[in-house]
Structure formats: C-alpha cells, structure tokens
Amino acid sequence: MSSEETPGEQAGKTDLDEVEAVLGYRFRDRSILERALVHASVAECRLRSNQRLEFLGDAVLGLVISDYLFHRYPRFLEGEMTHVKSIVVSRASCARVSERLRIYQFLRRAKNVGKSLAWSESMIADAWESLLGAIYLDGGLEAARQCILRHMRDEIQAAVDGLADKNYKSLLQNLAQRRYSAVPVYELIGQRGPDHDKSFQVVAKLGRRRFEPAWGKTKKEAEQGAAKNALEALLQDQDTAAEQSDADTEAGLERAASSLDVHDESVETCTDQ
C-alpha cells in the first residue's frame, strides 16, 4: 500500500465484489469499476483518475432524472420539473446517497484529501457520479437508470414533497443558496386599504436583482407571493439555459462514452494536457 493512500481505500479497491453488492450491479469489465474508484489525488495523472467518468455520470444522472420526472409526473410544468431535478442532481443529494452507501470506504485517495466537510462532500458526490458513469459505460443507459432509481428514489420523493408544500420562501432560499450562495431578502414596498383590511406589497431581492412584487392580505402572504414570482423567474432562466444544451445530451453521451475506452492509447500514455 502506498504511504500516500488511506488504508481503507487501498483495501477497498481489491474487494470489487463488495462494491458491486452495494451498487446492485455486476460489471462485465471490472477495469472500468476500478477506474471509477481512483481519486485524482492518487492517480498517476488525471487521465487515470475517475474525473472523466464523473463527467459522464453527471450527464447520465441528469438525463435519467429528467426522463423519470417527465413520465412519472405528467401534470408538472417544465419549471417544476426543473426545480425538482436541480435538487435531486445537486452535490448535496449525491453526497447523501454516496454516504448512505458508504462509497467513501472504497475510494482510493490521498491521506490528506477529504478532511474538510466541504471537500469531503464534494469528493463523495463526485464518486457517486463516477460510478454511474462506469455503469453506463459497462451496461448501458438502462443499467444506469435502474441503479439511479434504486438508490435515489427517496431523494426524488423528498424534492417532490417539498414542491407540493408550496412553501415558496423555503424553496427559493434552498435554490438561491445552492445555485448562487446567496439568501433572498424581502422588502415591504407598499400598503393599501384601511387598518382593518390592509393589503401589503412585497418584493423579493437576490443580490442586486429585484423580482416582480406581490400583494397579500398579510406580510407573510405577500412574501410568499414575492418568493413565488422570484422562483418562477429563476427557473425560467434555468429552462432557457437548459434548452441550449438538452438537444445535444444524447449525442454528447455517445461521444463521451466512445472516448472513455479504458484501453484507449491516449489514456495509456498518461499525458495530461
């Protein structure tokens, strides 16, 4: 065992049966699985790490979740599906799945890697995506789909339940923190009506951006309306960006998969660009 590797991860790489049992999938080509468990910190070069498989797995995960939401929830609007998907494919969600399956015990990494909470979450989330990429490469989209839904159905349901609660302030805050590392602010900008029957107008702000204001019979109701307007605007932004890339997703998967042959000569030379 290399002095630079953690003992648990070095032992884990030789016990591929256990990894397959955790995933519920048996590899035809175990060299792909081995590659998925090599963190860049111990790889001879990045081409021998799991980073390329992580890239592929991220695309596969997004496609599978999008397809599932489209068919499972036919009454969801595109913005609602986008919101649920963004939660399910997030780093936090992937890290929870990875931690639940204890994937970190199989991952080969340097001893000093993964000590901070943020870095550890990122690392194990990436490991989950690299394993999904490996399954896709070895067994195809259906095998990856079965694995994803087997282990992430609870994440999907939790995201859908959160949407059903209609707590727009909570939904907006989660999206804002995850996507923009910011917290929305609510400003009372108007009032009307007599004291016994007042209405309030509130606007939500995120950084320098102000969204469409909303009226409500109470400040709380107006804040919920303002949060809803902001959430819809942000999701629309997301939809517009997604439309520019979704058409190329399947073609991109095929190109990425074809370039991920673990016996490819360019990989064997191990030359980082």
Protein backbone atom coordinates (compact mmCIF):
# COMPACT_ATOMS: atom_id res chain seq x y z
CA MET A 1 0.00 0.00 0.00
CA SER A 2 1.30 3.45 -0.86
CA SER A 3 2.11 5.64 2.14
CA GLU A 4 0.08 8.37 0.46
CA GLU A 5 -3.16 6.35 0.38
CA THR A 6 -5.60 5.73 3.19
CA PRO A 7 -5.65 2.08 4.35
CA GLY A 8 -9.40 1.67 3.92
CA GLU A 9 -9.39 2.86 0.34
CA GLN A 10 -6.43 0.69 -0.65
CA ALA A 11 -8.17 -2.41 0.75
CA GLY A 12 -11.48 -1.41 -0.82
CA LYS A 13 -10.14 -1.36 -4.37
CA THR A 14 -9.32 -5.09 -4.21
CA ASP A 15 -12.76 -6.04 -2.96
CA LEU A 16 -14.82 -5.24 -6.03
CA ASP A 17 -17.42 -7.84 -5.10
CA GLU A 18 -18.47 -5.66 -2.17
CA VAL A 19 -18.71 -2.55 -4.35
CA GLU A 20 -20.92 -4.41 -6.81
CA ALA A 21 -23.11 -5.68 -3.96
CA VAL A 22 -23.58 -2.13 -2.67
CA LEU A 23 -24.50 -0.83 -6.11
CA GLY A 24 -26.64 -3.82 -7.03
CA TYR A 25 -24.83 -4.15 -10.36
CA ARG A 26 -22.21 -6.64 -11.59
CA PHE A 27 -19.64 -5.30 -14.04
CA ARG A 28 -18.64 -7.17 -17.14
CA ASP A 29 -15.42 -5.16 -17.32
CA ARG A 30 -14.10 -4.54 -13.83
CA SER A 31 -11.32 -2.30 -15.06
CA ILE A 32 -13.99 0.36 -15.56
CA LEU A 33 -15.13 -0.04 -11.95
CA GLU A 34 -11.54 0.19 -10.74
CA ARG A 35 -11.06 3.43 -12.67
CA ALA A 36 -14.23 4.88 -11.08
CA LEU A 37 -12.71 4.41 -7.62
CA VAL A 38 -9.43 6.23 -8.26
CA HIS A 39 -9.39 9.81 -6.98
CA ALA A 40 -7.13 12.28 -8.76
CA SER A 41 -5.03 12.67 -5.61
CA VAL A 42 -3.53 9.17 -6.05
CA ALA A 43 -3.74 8.76 -9.83
CA GLU A 44 -0.57 8.85 -11.89
CA CYS A 45 -2.28 11.58 -13.89
CA ARG A 46 -5.79 12.92 -14.26
CA LEU A 47 -6.49 10.66 -17.23
CA ARG A 48 -6.08 7.69 -14.91
CA SER A 49 -8.46 9.12 -12.30
CA ASN A 50 -12.25 8.95 -12.12
CA GLN A 51 -12.75 12.53 -13.36
CA ARG A 52 -13.80 11.62 -16.90
CA LEU A 53 -16.25 9.01 -15.61
CA GLU A 54 -17.63 11.64 -13.23
CA PHE A 55 -18.27 13.93 -16.21
CA LEU A 56 -20.15 11.15 -18.00
CA GLY A 57 -22.08 10.14 -14.86
CA ASP A 58 -23.26 13.70 -14.28
CA ALA A 59 -24.82 13.77 -17.76
CA VAL A 60 -26.38 10.32 -17.32
CA LEU A 61 -27.87 11.29 -13.96
CA GLY A 62 -29.44 14.44 -15.39
CA LEU A 63 -30.95 12.55 -18.32
CA VAL A 64 -32.38 9.73 -16.19
CA ILE A 65 -33.94 12.09 -13.63
CA SER A 66 -35.41 14.29 -16.38
CA ASP A 67 -36.92 11.26 -18.13
CA TYR A 68 -38.32 9.91 -14.86
CA LEU A 69 -39.96 13.20 -13.87
CA PHE A 70 -41.40 13.69 -17.35
CA HIS A 71 -43.17 10.32 -17.32
CA ARG A 72 -43.93 9.99 -13.61
CA TYR A 73 -45.45 13.46 -13.14
CA PRO A 74 -47.38 14.35 -16.32
CA ARG A 75 -49.05 17.36 -14.65
CA PHE A 76 -45.78 19.03 -13.64
CA LEU A 77 -44.90 22.19 -15.55
CA GLU A 78 -41.41 22.45 -17.01
CA GLY A 79 -40.35 24.85 -14.25
CA GLU A 80 -41.49 22.42 -11.56
CA MET A 81 -39.62 19.54 -13.17
CA THR A 82 -36.52 21.70 -13.46
CA HIS A 83 -36.72 22.62 -9.78
CA VAL A 84 -37.09 19.02 -8.60
CA LYS A 85 -34.31 17.87 -10.92
CA SER A 86 -31.93 20.57 -9.67
CA ILE A 87 -32.41 19.31 -6.11
CA VAL A 88 -32.02 15.62 -6.96
CA VAL A 89 -28.82 16.04 -9.02
CA SER A 90 -27.26 18.54 -6.61
CA ARG A 91 -23.97 17.87 -4.86
CA ALA A 92 -25.75 17.60 -1.50
CA SER A 93 -28.14 14.94 -2.79
CA CYS A 94 -25.40 12.91 -4.47
CA ALA A 95 -23.28 13.15 -1.33
CA ARG A 96 -26.13 11.83 0.82
CA VAL A 97 -26.56 8.81 -1.44
CA SER A 98 -22.81 8.21 -1.54
CA GLU A 99 -22.56 8.45 2.24
CA ARG A 100 -25.53 6.13 2.77
CA LEU A 101 -23.88 3.52 0.55
CA ARG A 102 -20.52 4.15 2.28
CA ILE A 103 -18.81 4.59 -1.07
CA TYR A 104 -16.01 6.54 0.60
CA GLN A 105 -14.65 3.31 2.08
CA PHE A 106 -13.88 2.04 -1.42
CA LEU A 107 -12.46 5.26 -2.88
CA ARG A 108 -8.70 5.45 -3.30
CA ARG A 109 -7.49 8.88 -2.24
CA ALA A 110 -4.53 10.56 -0.60
CA LYS A 111 -4.50 10.68 3.19
CA ASN A 112 -4.78 14.46 3.34
CA VAL A 113 -7.78 14.59 0.98
CA GLY A 114 -11.34 14.78 2.28
CA LYS A 115 -10.59 16.20 5.72
CA SER A 116 -12.74 19.32 5.43
CA LEU A 117 -16.52 18.89 5.41
CA ALA A 118 -17.00 20.78 2.14
CA TRP A 119 -14.23 18.91 0.34
CA SER A 120 -15.44 15.58 1.68
CA GLU A 121 -18.99 16.22 0.46
CA SER A 122 -17.74 17.21 -2.97
CA MET A 123 -15.45 14.20 -3.20
CA ILE A 124 -18.05 11.57 -2.31
CA ALA A 125 -20.67 13.22 -4.52
CA ASP A 126 -18.22 13.05 -7.42
CA ALA A 127 -17.51 9.41 -6.60
CA TRP A 128 -21.22 8.58 -6.94
CA GLU A 129 -21.34 10.25 -10.35
CA SER A 130 -18.20 8.44 -11.49
CA LEU A 131 -19.77 5.10 -10.55
CA LEU A 132 -22.90 5.99 -12.52
CA GLY A 133 -20.70 6.82 -15.49
CA ALA A 134 -18.94 3.48 -15.10
CA ILE A 135 -22.24 1.56 -15.02
CA TYR A 136 -23.45 3.42 -18.11
CA LEU A 137 -20.23 2.65 -19.95
CA ASP A 138 -20.31 -1.03 -18.94
CA GLY A 139 -24.02 -1.84 -19.16
CA GLY A 140 -25.74 1.00 -20.98
CA LEU A 141 -28.41 3.52 -20.09
CA GLU A 142 -30.96 1.03 -18.74
CA ALA A 143 -28.47 -0.39 -16.24
CA ALA A 144 -27.60 3.12 -15.08
CA ARG A 145 -31.28 4.05 -14.87
CA GLN A 146 -32.06 1.07 -12.64
CA CYS A 147 -29.17 1.90 -10.30
CA ILE A 148 -30.10 5.58 -10.08
CA LEU A 149 -33.77 4.93 -9.32
CA ARG A 150 -32.90 2.15 -6.86
CA HIS A 151 -30.74 4.44 -4.75
CA MET A 152 -32.19 7.92 -5.39
CA ARG A 153 -35.96 7.39 -5.29
CA ASP A 154 -36.12 8.81 -1.74
CA GLU A 155 -34.25 11.91 -2.90
CA ILE A 156 -36.73 12.36 -5.74
CA GLN A 157 -39.73 11.94 -3.45
CA ALA A 158 -38.36 14.40 -0.90
CA ALA A 159 -37.87 17.02 -3.62
CA VAL A 160 -41.37 16.43 -4.99
CA ASP A 161 -42.87 16.65 -1.47
CA GLY A 162 -41.09 19.95 -0.92
CA LEU A 163 -42.60 21.32 -4.11
CA ALA A 164 -46.07 20.15 -3.06
CA ASP A 165 -45.80 22.03 0.24
CA LYS A 166 -45.96 25.32 -1.70
CA ASN A 167 -43.61 26.95 0.80
CA TYR A 168 -42.19 29.24 -1.83
CA LYS A 169 -39.92 31.10 0.59
CA SER A 170 -38.25 27.85 1.61
CA LEU A 171 -37.96 26.67 -2.00
CA LEU A 172 -36.47 30.00 -3.08
CA GLN A 173 -33.98 30.04 -0.23
CA ASN A 174 -32.81 26.49 -0.99
CA LEU A 175 -32.39 27.28 -4.68
CA ALA A 176 -30.66 30.61 -4.01
CA GLN A 177 -28.18 29.11 -1.55
CA ARG A 178 -27.43 26.12 -3.74
CA ARG A 179 -27.12 27.94 -7.06
CA TYR A 180 -25.92 31.40 -6.07
CA SER A 181 -24.62 31.08 -2.49
CA ALA A 182 -26.97 33.92 -1.56
CA VAL A 183 -30.01 34.45 0.66
CA PRO A 184 -33.13 36.24 -0.64
CA VAL A 185 -34.26 39.44 1.07
CA TYR A 186 -37.87 40.67 1.27
CA GLU A 187 -38.75 44.36 1.24
CA LEU A 188 -42.13 45.89 2.01
CA ILE A 189 -42.72 48.46 -0.75
CA GLY A 190 -46.41 49.27 -0.47
CA GLN A 191 -49.61 49.22 1.61
CA ARG A 192 -53.21 49.98 0.79
CA GLY A 193 -56.64 49.83 2.39
CA PRO A 194 -57.99 50.77 5.85
CA ASP A 195 -56.40 49.46 9.03
CA HIS A 196 -58.94 46.68 9.42
CA ASP A 197 -58.48 45.47 5.84
CA LYS A 198 -54.91 46.28 4.77
CA SER A 199 -53.01 44.72 1.90
CA PHE A 200 -49.23 44.64 1.64
CA GLN A 201 -46.89 44.66 -1.33
CA VAL A 202 -43.53 42.90 -1.01
CA VAL A 203 -40.63 42.44 -3.43
CA ALA A 204 -38.01 39.68 -3.23
CA LYS A 205 -34.38 40.60 -3.92
CA LEU A 206 -31.42 38.36 -4.62
CA GLY A 207 -28.19 40.30 -4.71
CA ARG A 208 -28.85 43.30 -6.97
CA ARG A 209 -31.73 41.64 -8.76
CA ARG A 210 -35.31 42.59 -7.90
CA PHE A 211 -38.18 40.35 -8.94
CA GLU A 212 -41.84 41.05 -9.63
CA PRO A 213 -43.56 42.20 -6.39
CA ALA A 214 -46.69 40.58 -4.96
CA TRP A 215 -49.68 41.70 -2.89
CA GLY A 216 -51.12 39.86 0.10
CA LYS A 217 -53.59 40.34 2.94
CA THR A 218 -50.71 39.79 5.36
CA LYS A 219 -46.99 40.48 5.07
CA LYS A 220 -46.37 36.72 5.24
CA GLU A 221 -48.76 36.07 2.36
CA ALA A 222 -47.16 38.84 0.30
CA GLU A 223 -43.69 37.42 0.98
CA GLN A 224 -44.84 34.00 -0.22
CA GLY A 225 -46.19 35.59 -3.41
CA ALA A 226 -42.97 37.52 -3.96
CA ALA A 227 -40.95 34.33 -3.41
CA LYS A 228 -43.13 32.51 -5.94
CA ASN A 229 -42.50 35.23 -8.53
CA ALA A 230 -38.76 35.10 -7.91
CA LEU A 231 -38.68 31.31 -8.03
CA GLU A 232 -40.54 31.23 -11.33
CA ALA A 233 -38.16 33.80 -12.81
CA LEU A 234 -35.08 31.87 -11.74
CA LEU A 235 -36.49 28.60 -13.02
CA GLN A 236 -37.30 30.27 -16.32
CA ASP A 237 -33.68 31.38 -16.54
CA GLN A 238 -32.68 27.78 -15.88
CA ASP A 239 -35.09 26.49 -18.53
CA THR A 240 -33.64 28.86 -21.13
CA ALA A 241 -30.12 27.69 -20.39
CA ALA A 242 -31.20 24.05 -20.43
CA GLU A 243 -32.85 24.38 -23.83
CA GLN A 244 -29.49 25.31 -25.32
CA SER A 245 -27.84 22.08 -24.17
CA ASP A 246 -30.55 19.40 -23.93
CA ALA A 247 -30.65 18.78 -27.68
CA ASP A 248 -27.00 17.68 -27.59
CA THR A 249 -27.25 15.48 -24.46
CA GLU A 250 -27.60 12.05 -26.06
CA ALA A 251 -25.06 12.78 -28.76
CA GLY A 252 -22.71 14.08 -26.09
CA LEU A 253 -23.15 10.90 -24.06
CA GLU A 254 -22.29 8.76 -27.06
CA ARG A 255 -19.22 10.84 -27.86
CA ALA A 256 -18.06 10.81 -24.25
CA ALA A 257 -18.65 7.07 -23.92
CA SER A 258 -16.77 6.28 -27.12
CA SER A 259 -13.81 8.30 -25.87
CA LEU A 260 -13.80 6.57 -22.49
CA ASP A 261 -12.40 3.22 -23.61
CA VAL A 262 -10.18 2.35 -20.65
CA HIS A 263 -7.73 0.69 -23.04
CA ASP A 264 -7.52 3.75 -25.28
CA GLU A 265 -3.96 4.51 -26.32
CA SER A 266 -4.27 8.15 -25.27
CA VAL A 267 -5.10 7.04 -21.73
CA GLU A 268 -2.27 4.53 -21.56
CA THR A 269 0.27 7.23 -22.43
CA CYS A 270 -0.98 9.16 -19.39
CA THR A 271 -0.12 12.60 -20.66
CA ASP A 272 -2.12 15.50 -19.18
CA GLN A 273 -2.75 18.40 -21.46
